[in-house]
Amino acid sequence: MTLETTLVRGISLIYGLYLLLPIVLLMIGSLGGNWTNTLLPTGVTGQWYVDLWLDTSFRKAFVNSLVVALAACAINTVLALPLAYALYHGARRGGSLAARIVSATPVAVPPITMAFGYMIVFNTDLAPWLGSMPLLIAAHAILTLPYLTNTLLTDLRHLDLGRLEQAAATLGASGWQQFSGIVLPSLRQSLVSGLVMVAAISVGEFGVSNLLTSFQNRTYPVVLLQAFYGATGFACAATVILLVLASASALLSSSLVKQRA
């Protein structure tokens, strides 16, 4: 075994422990009876999950998160398909600046910046919508739109769409027929996997939601933060539920991408 191989395995092991240790501790804490000033909790119980189910604020927040995520997916479907199609053809004609801007948006613009801007604009007499569900949905849709757009744009480039469209145009297909008959069916799986990713990001998003939501429209992560001021086991159980949802979404998205490949 070479030094390079040993180094790579060592770094991978450390990174894996870094990722898994908090998850393992959360799972242990969610089943522990008491966790106060000790390295690990004492006792075993499933009562925290029962308490979580009986807590109406968590049930309502869970529903709110699902509503926001599904609405964001619907809006993104309407916006991302034509946007990715336009960016693809714009890049082919040399206009790749817009495509680069969309690709860099999730990293270049912190979500908190958008949230503060929303707070300023929509907390006025002219637009008193701060804390409303429509504003929260719009914020999540805008926040996640680049991710779905980039997924579709990558698939369009992989498909060599220009050659297919030229063949369809030769057969007399109009622009709409090319889009509906070639583009949409070709992007079906990447659209589904991208929407799963959008839903996972939306459900787990905290920063923007915490600043824009009202007490009635709190999402699951916002309520989850408040749980850590109470019983540790209850907070761990609530976090495990969120983790399971995010992991299931990630696995589903990954499997769809592999099927596409």
Protein backbone atom coordinates (compact mmCIF):
# COMPACT_ATOMS: atom_id res chain seq x y z
CA MET A 1 0.00 0.00 0.00
CA THR A 2 1.51 3.31 -1.10
CA LEU A 3 1.74 6.44 1.01
CA GLU A 4 -0.71 8.21 -1.30
CA THR A 5 -3.31 5.46 -0.90
CA THR A 6 -2.91 5.49 2.88
CA LEU A 7 -3.28 9.27 2.96
CA VAL A 8 -6.43 9.18 0.82
CA ARG A 9 -7.99 6.49 3.00
CA GLY A 10 -7.08 8.36 6.17
CA ILE A 11 -8.62 11.61 4.93
CA SER A 12 -11.74 9.73 3.76
CA LEU A 13 -12.07 8.07 7.16
CA ILE A 14 -11.74 11.37 9.03
CA TYR A 15 -14.25 13.04 6.71
CA GLY A 16 -16.67 10.14 7.08
CA LEU A 17 -16.45 10.33 10.88
CA TYR A 18 -16.95 14.09 10.71
CA LEU A 19 -20.20 13.57 8.78
CA LEU A 20 -21.52 10.53 10.63
CA LEU A 21 -20.69 11.36 14.24
CA PRO A 22 -23.32 14.13 14.66
CA ILE A 23 -25.94 11.91 13.00
CA VAL A 24 -25.13 8.97 15.28
CA LEU A 25 -25.26 11.21 18.36
CA LEU A 26 -28.64 12.60 17.28
CA MET A 27 -30.06 9.10 16.84
CA ILE A 28 -28.71 8.00 20.21
CA GLY A 29 -30.09 11.15 21.85
CA SER A 30 -33.52 10.65 20.30
CA LEU A 31 -33.79 7.25 22.03
CA GLY A 32 -32.14 8.25 25.29
CA GLY A 33 -34.12 8.76 28.46
CA ASN A 34 -31.99 11.52 29.97
CA TRP A 35 -29.01 13.46 28.61
CA THR A 36 -27.75 16.01 31.11
CA ASN A 37 -24.05 16.66 31.81
CA THR A 38 -23.07 13.20 30.54
CA LEU A 39 -21.15 12.01 27.50
CA LEU A 40 -24.07 9.83 26.35
CA PRO A 41 -27.74 9.70 27.40
CA THR A 42 -28.91 7.30 30.07
CA GLY A 43 -31.83 4.94 29.59
CA VAL A 44 -33.71 3.98 26.43
CA THR A 45 -37.12 5.28 25.41
CA GLY A 46 -39.25 5.98 22.36
CA GLN A 47 -41.37 8.53 24.18
CA TRP A 48 -39.72 11.47 22.45
CA TYR A 49 -41.15 10.38 19.10
CA VAL A 50 -44.58 9.97 20.67
CA ASP A 51 -44.34 13.46 22.18
CA LEU A 52 -43.25 14.81 18.82
CA TRP A 53 -46.29 13.29 17.10
CA LEU A 54 -48.62 14.71 19.75
CA ASP A 55 -47.15 18.22 19.51
CA THR A 56 -49.54 20.24 17.34
CA SER A 57 -46.99 22.98 16.62
CA PHE A 58 -44.62 20.46 15.03
CA ARG A 59 -47.39 18.83 13.02
CA LYS A 60 -48.50 22.22 11.71
CA ALA A 61 -44.91 23.25 10.94
CA PHE A 62 -44.36 19.97 9.11
CA VAL A 63 -47.43 20.59 6.95
CA ASN A 64 -46.30 24.17 6.31
CA SER A 65 -42.91 22.93 5.12
CA LEU A 66 -44.54 20.44 2.76
CA VAL A 67 -46.89 23.08 1.36
CA VAL A 68 -44.01 25.50 0.77
CA ALA A 69 -41.84 22.80 -0.81
CA LEU A 70 -44.58 21.54 -3.14
CA ALA A 71 -45.52 25.07 -4.17
CA ALA A 72 -41.87 25.90 -4.86
CA CYS A 73 -41.60 22.74 -6.99
CA ALA A 74 -44.68 23.76 -9.01
CA ILE A 75 -43.39 27.30 -9.59
CA ASN A 76 -39.92 26.04 -10.50
CA THR A 77 -41.35 23.60 -13.02
CA VAL A 78 -43.10 26.43 -14.84
CA LEU A 79 -40.05 28.73 -14.73
CA ALA A 80 -37.04 26.42 -14.98
CA LEU A 81 -38.00 24.52 -18.15
CA PRO A 82 -38.23 27.56 -20.47
CA LEU A 83 -35.35 29.27 -18.64
CA ALA A 84 -32.99 26.33 -19.09
CA TYR A 85 -34.07 26.01 -22.73
CA ALA A 86 -33.41 29.70 -23.38
CA LEU A 87 -30.04 29.59 -21.58
CA TYR A 88 -29.00 26.54 -23.58
CA HIS A 89 -29.68 28.22 -26.91
CA GLY A 90 -28.21 31.51 -25.67
CA ALA A 91 -24.96 29.78 -24.72
CA ARG A 92 -24.83 28.08 -28.13
CA ARG A 93 -25.05 31.51 -29.78
CA GLY A 94 -22.25 32.86 -27.64
CA GLY A 95 -24.43 34.47 -24.97
CA SER A 96 -23.12 32.38 -22.08
CA LEU A 97 -23.00 35.25 -19.55
CA ALA A 98 -26.59 34.66 -18.43
CA ALA A 99 -25.91 30.94 -18.00
CA ARG A 100 -22.85 31.66 -15.85
CA ILE A 101 -24.82 34.12 -13.71
CA VAL A 102 -27.56 31.57 -13.07
CA SER A 103 -24.98 28.90 -12.26
CA ALA A 104 -23.14 31.14 -9.80
CA THR A 105 -26.21 32.57 -8.06
CA PRO A 106 -26.57 29.93 -5.31
CA VAL A 107 -22.96 30.46 -4.23
CA ALA A 108 -22.40 34.12 -5.07
CA VAL A 109 -25.52 35.51 -3.39
CA PRO A 110 -26.05 34.37 0.23
CA PRO A 111 -29.70 33.54 0.94
CA ILE A 112 -29.60 35.85 3.94
CA THR A 113 -29.03 38.78 1.58
CA MET A 114 -32.23 38.00 -0.28
CA ALA A 115 -34.10 37.60 3.01
CA PHE A 116 -33.05 41.01 4.29
CA GLY A 117 -34.05 42.56 0.98
CA TYR A 118 -37.48 40.95 1.25
CA MET A 119 -37.84 42.25 4.80
CA ILE A 120 -37.20 45.79 3.65
CA VAL A 121 -39.46 45.67 0.59
CA PHE A 122 -42.39 43.69 1.97
CA ASN A 123 -42.68 45.27 5.40
CA THR A 124 -44.17 48.52 4.14
CA ASP A 125 -47.64 50.01 3.86
CA LEU A 126 -47.50 49.52 0.11
CA ALA A 127 -46.62 45.81 0.36
CA PRO A 128 -47.39 44.52 3.89
CA TRP A 129 -46.72 40.87 3.07
CA LEU A 130 -43.92 40.03 5.48
CA GLY A 131 -44.82 36.80 7.30
CA SER A 132 -47.36 35.69 4.71
CA MET A 133 -47.33 32.24 3.14
CA PRO A 134 -47.21 33.54 -0.48
CA LEU A 135 -44.06 35.55 0.27
CA LEU A 136 -42.42 32.55 1.92
CA ILE A 137 -43.28 30.37 -1.08
CA ALA A 138 -41.92 32.97 -3.50
CA ALA A 139 -38.69 33.23 -1.52
CA HIS A 140 -38.20 29.44 -1.54
CA ALA A 141 -38.98 29.28 -5.26
CA ILE A 142 -36.41 31.95 -6.10
CA LEU A 143 -33.86 30.42 -3.76
CA THR A 144 -34.12 26.96 -5.33
CA LEU A 145 -34.75 27.93 -8.97
CA PRO A 146 -31.03 27.96 -9.97
CA TYR A 147 -30.56 24.40 -8.75
CA LEU A 148 -33.32 23.01 -10.94
CA THR A 149 -32.30 25.22 -13.86
CA ASN A 150 -28.70 23.99 -13.68
CA THR A 151 -29.86 20.38 -13.53
CA LEU A 152 -31.96 20.79 -16.66
CA LEU A 153 -29.28 22.84 -18.41
CA THR A 154 -26.66 20.14 -17.78
CA ASP A 155 -28.99 17.49 -19.20
CA LEU A 156 -29.70 19.59 -22.29
CA ARG A 157 -25.98 19.83 -22.99
CA HIS A 158 -25.54 16.10 -22.42
CA LEU A 159 -28.34 15.25 -24.88
CA ASP A 160 -26.81 17.23 -27.75
CA LEU A 161 -30.23 18.78 -28.24
CA GLY A 162 -29.20 20.92 -31.21
CA ARG A 163 -28.74 17.89 -33.44
CA LEU A 164 -32.15 16.49 -32.48
CA GLU A 165 -33.86 19.82 -33.12
CA GLN A 166 -32.22 20.16 -36.52
CA ALA A 167 -33.49 16.71 -37.47
CA ALA A 168 -37.01 17.61 -36.29
CA ALA A 169 -36.91 20.94 -38.14
CA THR A 170 -35.89 19.10 -41.31
CA LEU A 171 -39.05 17.02 -40.94
CA GLY A 172 -41.14 20.19 -40.67
CA ALA A 173 -41.62 20.42 -36.89
CA SER A 174 -42.36 23.88 -35.53
CA GLY A 175 -40.53 25.42 -32.56
CA TRP A 176 -43.32 24.42 -30.16
CA GLN A 177 -43.43 20.89 -31.58
CA GLN A 178 -39.70 20.56 -31.08
CA PHE A 179 -39.99 21.77 -27.47
CA SER A 180 -43.00 19.62 -26.55
CA GLY A 181 -42.04 16.55 -28.57
CA ILE A 182 -38.29 16.42 -27.97
CA VAL A 183 -37.21 18.63 -25.09
CA LEU A 184 -39.91 17.82 -22.52
CA PRO A 185 -39.80 13.99 -22.90
CA SER A 186 -35.98 14.05 -22.84
CA LEU A 187 -35.90 16.06 -19.62
CA ARG A 188 -38.49 14.02 -17.73
CA GLN A 189 -36.11 12.17 -15.42
CA SER A 190 -33.79 15.11 -14.81
CA LEU A 191 -36.83 17.25 -14.03
CA VAL A 192 -38.04 14.75 -11.43
CA SER A 193 -34.61 14.38 -9.83
CA GLY A 194 -34.16 18.17 -9.83
CA LEU A 195 -37.56 18.68 -8.19
CA VAL A 196 -36.69 16.16 -5.49
CA MET A 197 -33.56 18.18 -4.79
CA VAL A 198 -35.61 21.41 -4.71
CA ALA A 199 -38.02 19.85 -2.22
CA ALA A 200 -35.16 18.65 -0.01
CA ILE A 201 -33.53 22.10 0.00
CA SER A 202 -36.83 23.80 0.73
CA VAL A 203 -37.80 21.48 3.58
CA GLY A 204 -34.42 21.91 5.27
CA GLU A 205 -34.03 25.66 4.66
CA PHE A 206 -33.82 27.71 7.87
CA GLY A 207 -32.21 31.14 7.38
CA VAL A 208 -34.66 32.68 4.93
CA SER A 209 -37.68 31.03 6.57
CA ASN A 210 -36.72 32.23 10.03
CA LEU A 211 -36.60 35.85 8.86
CA LEU A 212 -39.67 35.86 6.63
CA THR A 213 -42.17 33.61 8.38
CA SER A 214 -44.81 34.52 10.92
CA PHE A 215 -45.81 32.54 14.01
CA GLN A 216 -48.69 30.88 12.14
CA ASN A 217 -46.61 30.01 9.09
CA ARG A 218 -43.49 28.68 10.80
CA THR A 219 -41.73 25.89 8.92
CA TYR A 220 -40.32 22.74 10.46
CA PRO A 221 -36.68 23.93 10.82
CA VAL A 222 -37.83 27.17 12.50
CA VAL A 223 -39.84 25.26 15.10
CA LEU A 224 -37.01 22.76 15.42
CA LEU A 225 -34.62 25.44 16.67
CA GLN A 226 -36.98 26.26 19.51
CA ALA A 227 -37.03 22.60 20.56
CA PHE A 228 -33.37 22.76 21.57
CA TYR A 229 -34.29 25.18 24.34
CA GLY A 230 -36.34 22.39 25.93
CA ALA A 231 -35.75 18.65 26.30
CA THR A 232 -32.66 17.41 24.47
CA GLY A 233 -34.21 14.06 23.54
CA PHE A 234 -37.24 15.75 22.04
CA ALA A 235 -35.03 18.04 19.95
CA CYS A 236 -32.93 15.07 18.78
CA ALA A 237 -36.05 13.16 17.73
CA ALA A 238 -37.35 16.16 15.79
CA THR A 239 -33.97 16.54 14.06
CA VAL A 240 -33.88 12.84 13.14
CA ILE A 241 -37.24 13.20 11.39
CA LEU A 242 -35.87 16.09 9.32
CA LEU A 243 -32.73 14.10 8.60
CA VAL A 244 -34.74 11.10 7.40
CA LEU A 245 -36.75 13.30 5.03
CA ALA A 246 -33.63 14.94 3.61
CA SER A 247 -31.81 11.60 3.24
CA ALA A 248 -34.78 9.99 1.50
CA SER A 249 -34.99 12.90 -0.93
CA ALA A 250 -31.26 12.76 -1.64
CA LEU A 251 -31.32 8.99 -2.24
CA LEU A 252 -34.32 9.30 -4.54
CA SER A 253 -32.67 12.07 -6.52
CA SER A 254 -29.42 10.10 -6.77
CA SER A 255 -31.19 6.94 -7.97
CA LEU A 256 -33.05 8.90 -10.64
CA VAL A 257 -29.79 10.42 -11.88
CA LYS A 258 -28.18 6.98 -12.08
CA GLN A 259 -31.15 5.64 -14.06
CA ARG A 260 -30.78 8.58 -16.44
CA ALA A 261 -27.08 7.89 -16.88
